Protein backbone atom coordinates (compact mmCIF):
# COMPACT_ATOMS: atom_id res chain seq x y z
CA MET A 1 34.79 121.58 152.03
CA ASN A 2 37.69 123.64 150.71
CA MET A 3 39.19 126.56 152.60
CA MET A 4 41.53 129.40 151.76
CA VAL A 5 42.75 132.39 153.73
CA VAL A 6 42.67 135.95 152.42
CA MET A 7 44.26 138.87 154.22
CA SER A 8 41.92 141.85 154.58
CA SER A 9 42.55 145.34 155.86
CA ALA A 10 40.91 144.49 159.17
CA GLU A 11 41.75 140.90 159.99
CA THR A 12 42.28 137.58 158.26
CA ILE A 13 39.20 136.35 156.42
CA ARG A 14 38.76 132.63 155.86
CA VAL A 15 36.87 131.58 152.74
CA GLU A 16 35.15 128.19 152.89
CA LYS A 17 33.71 126.56 149.78
CA LEU A 18 30.69 124.42 150.68
CA THR A 19 28.94 122.09 148.25
CA LYS A 20 27.49 119.34 150.44
CA PRO A 21 23.97 119.82 151.88
CA ALA A 22 25.11 118.86 155.38
CA GLU A 23 27.88 121.49 155.27
CA ILE A 24 25.44 124.15 154.13
CA ASP A 25 22.90 123.16 156.79
CA GLY A 26 25.60 123.60 159.40
CA LEU A 27 25.69 127.32 158.59
CA SER A 28 22.04 127.90 159.52
CA ALA A 29 22.45 129.74 162.84
CA ALA A 30 25.34 131.93 161.68
CA TRP A 31 23.59 132.50 158.36
CA ARG A 32 20.43 133.78 160.05
CA SER A 33 22.50 136.05 162.26
CA LEU A 34 24.25 137.50 159.22
CA GLY A 35 20.88 138.12 157.56
CA ALA A 36 19.81 140.22 160.53
CA ASN A 37 22.97 142.37 160.38
CA SER A 38 23.77 142.73 156.71
CA PHE A 39 25.38 145.69 154.98
CA ALA A 40 22.78 145.84 152.19
CA PRO A 41 19.30 144.30 151.77
CA ALA A 42 19.73 140.80 150.32
CA GLY A 43 16.30 139.16 150.22
CA SER A 44 17.11 136.17 148.01
CA PHE A 45 20.14 135.33 150.17
CA LEU A 46 18.28 135.23 153.48
CA GLN A 47 18.63 131.78 154.99
CA PRO A 48 14.85 131.07 155.16
CA TRP A 49 14.56 131.80 151.43
CA LEU A 50 17.78 130.51 149.86
CA ALA A 51 18.22 127.32 151.92
CA PRO A 52 14.94 125.71 150.68
CA ALA A 53 15.84 126.66 147.09
CA LEU A 54 19.27 125.04 147.44
CA LYS A 55 17.65 121.90 148.83
CA ALA A 56 15.04 121.78 146.06
CA TYR A 57 17.19 122.64 143.03
CA GLY A 58 20.63 121.58 144.26
CA PRO A 59 20.43 117.92 143.11
CA LYS A 60 20.09 118.95 139.44
CA HIS A 61 21.78 122.35 139.65
CA PRO A 62 24.45 122.11 142.35
CA ALA A 63 25.61 125.24 144.07
CA GLU A 64 28.92 126.33 145.50
CA ILE A 65 28.40 128.37 148.67
CA LEU A 66 31.28 130.62 149.67
CA ALA A 67 31.14 131.32 153.40
CA LEU A 68 33.50 134.04 154.58
CA TRP A 69 34.57 134.17 158.24
CA GLN A 70 36.31 136.70 160.45
CA GLY A 71 37.22 134.74 163.53
CA ASN A 72 34.08 132.82 164.49
CA GLU A 73 31.72 135.28 162.80
CA LEU A 74 30.18 134.62 159.40
CA CYS A 75 30.77 137.89 157.54
CA GLY A 76 29.78 137.02 153.99
CA LEU A 77 27.81 134.47 151.96
CA PHE A 78 27.86 134.10 148.18
CA ALA A 79 26.22 131.48 145.93
CA LEU A 80 27.91 130.44 142.69
CA GLN A 81 27.49 127.66 140.17
CA THR A 82 29.89 124.76 140.56
CA GLY A 83 32.69 123.99 138.14
CA GLY A 84 36.02 125.43 137.08
CA GLY A 85 36.97 127.52 134.11
CA PRO A 86 37.62 131.24 133.70
CA LEU A 87 34.03 132.31 134.49
CA LYS A 88 32.06 131.75 137.69
CA ARG A 89 28.36 132.46 137.38
CA ALA A 90 25.93 133.34 140.14
CA TRP A 91 23.69 130.48 141.26
CA VAL A 92 20.03 131.30 140.81
CA SER A 93 16.73 129.44 140.96
CA PRO A 94 13.26 130.19 139.57
CA LEU A 95 12.48 131.77 142.95
CA SER A 96 15.46 134.17 142.92
CA PHE A 97 14.49 137.84 142.87
CA SER A 98 17.69 139.58 143.98
CA GLY A 99 21.39 138.81 143.55
CA THR A 100 22.84 140.99 146.31
CA PRO A 101 24.92 138.69 148.53
CA LEU A 102 24.87 138.76 152.32
CA ILE A 103 27.73 140.84 153.71
CA ALA A 104 28.25 141.90 157.32
CA ALA A 105 27.72 145.57 158.01
CA HIS A 106 30.89 146.21 160.05
CA ASP A 107 33.53 145.75 157.31
CA PRO A 108 31.90 145.17 153.92
CA ALA A 109 34.88 146.39 151.88
CA SER A 110 37.16 143.71 153.30
CA VAL A 111 34.56 141.00 152.70
CA LEU A 112 34.13 141.96 149.05
CA GLN A 113 37.89 142.14 148.57
CA ALA A 114 38.27 138.67 150.10
CA PHE A 115 35.52 137.26 147.88
CA LEU A 116 37.15 138.68 144.75
CA GLY A 117 40.57 137.54 145.91
CA ALA A 118 39.26 134.00 146.17
CA GLN A 119 38.39 134.15 142.45
CA ARG A 120 41.89 135.00 141.27
CA GLY A 121 42.32 134.58 137.52
CA ARG A 122 38.58 134.44 136.89
CA ALA A 123 35.64 136.58 135.89
CA ILE A 124 32.61 136.56 138.18
CA GLN A 125 29.06 137.12 137.02
CA LEU A 126 26.51 138.53 139.47
CA ARG A 127 22.85 138.94 138.52
CA THR A 128 20.11 141.34 139.61
CA ILE A 129 22.19 143.56 141.86
CA PRO A 130 21.61 147.29 142.55
CA ALA A 131 23.00 149.52 139.80
CA SER A 132 23.57 152.34 142.29
CA GLY A 133 23.76 152.90 146.01
CA PRO A 134 26.02 151.59 148.81
CA PHE A 135 26.48 148.02 147.56
CA TRP A 136 27.26 149.14 144.01
CA ASP A 137 29.76 151.75 145.19
CA MET A 138 31.45 149.24 147.50
CA LEU A 139 31.65 146.60 144.75
CA VAL A 140 33.26 148.98 142.25
CA THR A 141 35.77 150.15 144.85
CA ALA A 142 36.59 146.60 145.96
CA ALA A 143 37.13 145.43 142.38
CA ALA A 144 39.49 148.33 141.70
CA SER A 145 41.40 147.68 144.92
CA VAL A 146 42.31 144.12 143.83
CA GLY A 147 43.20 145.19 140.29
CA GLY A 148 39.88 144.23 138.73
CA ALA A 149 36.93 146.03 137.17
CA VAL A 150 33.13 145.85 136.90
CA GLU A 151 31.22 145.90 133.63
CA ILE A 152 27.44 146.09 133.31
CA LEU A 153 25.98 143.44 131.00
CA ASN A 154 22.34 144.45 131.31
CA ARG A 155 20.48 147.21 133.16
CA TRP A 156 16.79 147.74 133.91
CA GLU A 157 14.38 149.23 136.43
CA ARG A 158 11.46 147.83 138.37
CA ALA A 159 8.70 149.36 140.42
CA ALA A 160 9.24 150.08 144.10
CA LEU A 161 7.64 151.84 147.04
CA ALA A 162 9.83 154.35 148.87
CA ALA A 163 9.19 155.50 152.45
CA GLN A 164 6.03 157.60 152.82
CA PRO A 165 4.65 159.70 155.70
CA SER A 166 1.23 158.02 155.52
CA PHE A 167 -0.93 155.98 153.15
CA GLU A 168 -3.42 158.81 152.73
CA ASP A 169 -0.66 161.23 151.75
CA TRP A 170 0.73 158.72 149.26
CA PHE A 171 -2.72 157.83 147.88
CA SER A 172 -3.78 161.43 147.32
CA GLY A 173 -0.40 162.43 145.88
CA ASN A 174 0.00 159.37 143.66
CA PHE A 175 -3.34 159.39 141.86
CA GLU A 176 -5.56 162.09 140.44
CA ARG A 177 -8.96 162.58 142.03
CA LYS A 178 -10.84 160.77 139.25
CA ARG A 179 -8.73 157.62 139.63
CA ARG A 180 -9.00 157.63 143.43
CA LYS A 181 -12.75 157.85 143.08
CA GLU A 182 -12.78 154.91 140.65
CA PHE A 183 -10.78 152.71 143.07
CA ARG A 184 -13.26 153.46 145.84
CA ARG A 185 -16.25 152.95 143.54
CA LEU A 186 -15.11 149.46 142.50
CA ARG A 187 -14.53 148.43 146.10
CA SER A 188 -17.91 149.79 147.18
CA ARG A 189 -19.68 148.12 144.28
CA LEU A 190 -18.20 144.72 145.03
CA GLY A 191 -18.96 145.17 148.72
CA GLU A 192 -22.63 145.73 147.88
CA GLU A 193 -22.81 142.31 146.20
CA GLY A 194 -21.47 140.28 149.13
CA ARG A 195 -19.13 140.16 152.11
CA LEU A 196 -15.83 141.78 151.15
CA GLU A 197 -12.84 141.35 153.49
CA SER A 198 -9.26 142.59 153.45
CA LEU A 199 -7.17 140.15 155.50
CA ALA A 200 -3.54 139.78 156.52
CA TRP A 201 -1.73 136.73 157.84
CA ALA A 202 -0.81 137.16 161.50
CA PRO A 203 2.18 135.57 163.31
CA GLY A 204 1.08 132.31 164.87
CA ASP A 205 -1.56 131.61 162.23
CA PRO A 206 -1.14 128.39 160.19
CA VAL A 207 0.83 129.00 157.01
CA ASP A 208 -0.31 126.04 154.89
CA PRO A 209 -3.93 127.18 154.38
CA TRP A 210 -2.68 130.48 152.97
CA VAL A 211 -0.17 128.75 150.70
CA ASP A 212 -2.80 126.23 149.54
CA GLU A 213 -5.23 129.01 148.67
CA LEU A 214 -2.59 130.99 146.78
CA ILE A 215 -1.48 127.96 144.76
CA ALA A 216 -5.09 127.07 143.92
CA LEU A 217 -5.92 130.66 142.97
CA GLU A 218 -2.86 131.01 140.74
CA ALA A 219 -3.68 127.74 138.99
CA LEU A 220 -7.09 129.11 137.95
CA GLY A 221 -5.55 132.03 136.07
CA TRP A 222 -3.35 132.58 133.03
CA LYS A 223 -0.31 130.98 134.67
CA GLY A 224 -2.32 127.80 135.13
CA ARG A 225 -3.37 127.84 131.48
CA ARG A 226 0.20 128.49 130.38
CA GLY A 227 1.59 125.76 132.63
CA THR A 228 3.84 128.05 134.70
CA ALA A 229 1.83 128.10 137.94
CA LEU A 230 3.20 126.69 141.18
CA ALA A 231 0.62 123.91 140.97
CA THR A 232 2.34 122.59 137.82
CA ASP A 233 5.84 122.56 139.34
CA VAL A 234 6.13 120.40 142.46
CA VAL A 235 9.77 121.35 143.09
CA MET A 236 9.08 125.07 143.00
CA ALA A 237 5.88 124.72 145.04
CA ASN A 238 7.64 122.74 147.77
CA SER A 239 10.54 125.20 147.88
CA PHE A 240 8.11 128.12 148.08
CA ARG A 241 6.10 126.48 150.86
CA ASP A 242 9.22 125.60 152.88
CA ALA A 243 10.55 129.14 152.52
CA LEU A 244 7.30 130.68 153.74
CA HIS A 245 7.28 128.39 156.76
CA HIS A 246 10.84 129.43 157.64
CA LEU A 247 10.07 133.11 157.08
CA ALA A 248 7.03 132.81 159.32
CA GLY A 249 9.19 131.27 162.03
CA GLU A 250 11.48 134.27 162.15
CA GLY A 251 8.76 136.90 161.73
CA SER A 252 9.64 137.95 158.17
CA LEU A 253 6.58 136.57 156.35
CA ARG A 254 3.83 138.83 155.09
CA PHE A 255 0.66 137.57 153.39
CA TRP A 256 -2.37 139.53 152.22
CA LYS A 257 -5.76 138.44 150.92
CA ILE A 258 -8.97 139.90 149.52
CA ALA A 259 -11.89 137.55 150.23
CA PHE A 260 -15.43 137.69 148.86
CA ASN A 261 -18.04 135.72 150.77
CA GLY A 262 -15.20 133.84 152.44
CA LYS A 263 -13.52 132.90 149.16
CA PRO A 264 -10.10 134.37 148.23
CA ILE A 265 -10.21 136.44 145.05
CA ALA A 266 -6.71 137.97 145.33
CA MET A 267 -3.65 136.93 147.35
CA MET A 268 -0.01 137.98 147.62
CA SER A 269 2.97 136.98 149.74
CA GLY A 270 5.84 139.18 150.85
CA ILE A 271 9.02 139.41 152.90
CA VAL A 272 10.04 142.08 155.40
CA LYS A 273 13.55 142.20 156.84
CA GLY A 274 14.71 145.24 158.76
CA ASP A 275 13.53 148.32 156.89
CA GLN A 276 13.32 146.58 153.50
CA GLY A 277 10.48 144.63 151.93
CA TRP A 278 9.96 142.47 148.85
CA LEU A 279 6.70 141.43 147.22
CA GLY A 280 6.28 137.77 146.35
CA LYS A 281 3.77 135.65 144.47
CA ILE A 282 0.47 137.28 143.52
CA ALA A 283 -2.69 135.72 142.10
CA TYR A 284 -6.27 136.82 141.54
CA ASP A 285 -9.58 135.38 140.39
CA GLU A 286 -10.07 136.48 136.79
CA SER A 287 -13.86 136.12 137.06
CA PHE A 288 -13.75 139.26 139.25
CA ALA A 289 -11.54 141.16 136.79
CA ARG A 290 -14.11 143.96 136.34
CA TYR A 291 -13.50 144.93 139.97
CA SER A 292 -9.67 144.89 139.64
CA PRO A 293 -9.07 142.66 142.69
CA GLY A 294 -5.31 142.65 142.07
CA VAL A 295 -5.18 146.44 142.25
CA MET A 296 -7.41 146.36 145.32
CA LEU A 297 -4.99 143.95 146.99
CA ILE A 298 -1.91 146.02 146.10
CA LEU A 299 -3.54 149.11 147.57
CA ASP A 300 -4.45 147.29 150.80
CA ALA A 301 -0.94 145.84 151.11
CA THR A 302 0.52 149.27 150.40
CA GLU A 303 -1.52 150.78 153.21
CA ARG A 304 -0.21 148.20 155.66
CA LEU A 305 3.37 148.54 154.41
CA ILE A 306 3.30 152.32 154.81
CA ASP A 307 1.27 152.81 157.98
CA LYS A 308 2.28 149.69 159.92
CA GLU A 309 5.70 148.57 158.65
CA ARG A 310 7.27 152.02 158.08
CA LEU A 311 9.82 150.59 155.63
CA ALA A 312 12.51 152.52 153.80
CA LEU A 313 11.88 150.67 150.55
CA VAL A 314 9.74 147.83 149.17
CA ASP A 315 10.84 146.10 145.98
CA SER A 316 7.96 144.92 143.78
CA CYS A 317 10.20 142.18 142.30
CA ALA A 318 8.13 142.63 139.12
CA ILE A 319 9.28 142.58 135.52
CA PRO A 320 10.21 145.99 134.05
CA GLY A 321 7.13 147.94 132.99
CA HIS A 322 4.70 145.53 134.65
CA PRO A 323 1.26 146.79 133.50
CA MET A 324 -0.28 146.80 137.00
CA ILE A 325 2.31 147.50 139.67
CA SER A 326 4.29 150.00 137.56
CA ASN A 327 1.21 152.21 137.34
CA ILE A 328 0.61 152.08 141.09
CA TRP A 329 4.09 152.21 142.58
CA ARG A 330 5.91 155.10 140.87
CA ASP A 331 9.34 154.76 142.52
CA ARG A 332 11.99 152.75 140.68
CA ILE A 333 14.97 150.55 141.59
CA ALA A 334 17.82 150.35 139.08
CA LEU A 335 19.20 146.82 138.75
CA CYS A 336 21.85 145.19 136.61
CA ASP A 337 23.72 142.03 135.73
CA VAL A 338 27.50 142.48 135.89
CA MET A 339 30.77 140.80 135.03
CA ILE A 340 33.65 141.39 137.43
CA ARG A 341 37.30 140.97 136.47
CA GLY A 342 38.98 139.18 139.32
CA PRO A 343 42.62 139.77 140.27
CA GLY A 344 45.12 138.19 137.92
CA LEU A 345 42.76 137.92 134.93
CA PRO A 346 44.27 139.76 131.92
CA ALA A 347 42.11 142.56 130.54
CA PRO A 348 41.97 141.08 126.99
CA ALA A 349 40.73 137.74 128.35
CA PHE A 350 38.10 139.55 130.42
CA ARG A 351 36.94 141.49 127.34
CA LEU A 352 36.47 138.23 125.42
CA LEU A 353 34.41 136.77 128.28
CA VAL A 354 32.27 139.92 128.48
CA GLU A 355 31.56 139.96 124.74
CA ALA A 356 30.76 136.24 124.72
CA GLU A 357 28.33 136.68 127.63
CA LYS A 358 26.63 139.66 125.98
CA ALA A 359 26.21 137.64 122.78
CA ARG A 360 24.78 134.70 124.75
CA VAL A 361 22.28 136.96 126.55
CA ALA A 362 21.25 138.67 123.31
CA ALA A 363 20.71 135.34 121.55
CA ARG A 364 18.63 134.05 124.45
CA ALA A 365 16.50 137.20 124.50
CA MET A 366 15.93 136.94 120.74
CA ALA A 367 14.88 133.30 121.04
CA LYS A 368 12.51 134.13 123.87
CA SER A 369 10.94 137.00 121.94
CA PHE A 370 10.52 134.77 118.88
CA PHE A 371 8.88 132.07 121.01
CA TYR A 372 6.35 134.52 122.46
CA ARG A 373 5.57 135.90 119.01
CA VAL A 374 4.95 132.42 117.61
CA MET A 375 2.85 131.44 120.62
CA ARG A 376 1.08 134.83 120.56
CA ARG A 377 1.84 135.46 124.18
CA LYS A 378 2.91 138.51 126.08
CA GLU A 379 6.27 138.24 127.82
CA SER A 380 6.02 138.02 131.60
């Protein structure tokens, strides 16, 4: 464990660099407390979600956790890749869906300044952070205050659900009458053929049966055929299962299911923390495709999220322009990958790093597009 001290406008902030699993585990209680009192929603950095990913992927892809302290209070947590050099990249795993770090609500500007100060002479890459709003504004201001700058490498939008007065108001305002009628017709038609149930996981219920059903259902679909389902990746499946157990323990897990004659035909997990939510893994039985079970499930989850949870925002965590969720949830979240010039890094050197990173990203995107064309697959 390495430690440095950075002077902030409020009080001295200590920055600890943690790389050993035992050191990171020792943060658990303070980490959970920070997650409950963060400045901005940071779903991927919540302890129940990130800790299992670090444990699962850390042996092959080690992480450097920066823990920032004011006195005895953990006030910030950032995850970076290990190693030296002029560029520090964000640490991510296949289960990452957001790159916003955990920062305490009471003095976020000082925490960001301390984080950037600890990266003197370097550029820092953050991925999948908000491209507008409180965190973005604070980041830009903090970078300027230490003599740095922020440059966007990539920007996109994904579907979201903003706060609504009621599900019925949203449903009637979001879809024309003909489409609302079609949704109801499909549900009614399937219900006439057997026992149709809309179920939600309840606190205290066993988690494993729900996870087992979701993994099995996903494996039956296109992800199973492509070899990208959880069932084909033991590391990801174990990390996902552990995370859902931890989320359940603190009351943040959400799980929804459509069952037909007792058999799941559509399932989806989710996270709720404070007034923010994130959708997780979704799977459906393709043999019921004519009834649109995935759409049915999204609508049922939406009803619960609006009428029961009363959240300010729910992030779909879907790819841009996702053919299903983008046509149901019409709100959008702007996200971006950025490069930050830390204090002491000359502007010309930063420009070279930015251009090199943009070229790397463009080359990777071109290779991916070529692969999907050759394999005759749609990107997902």
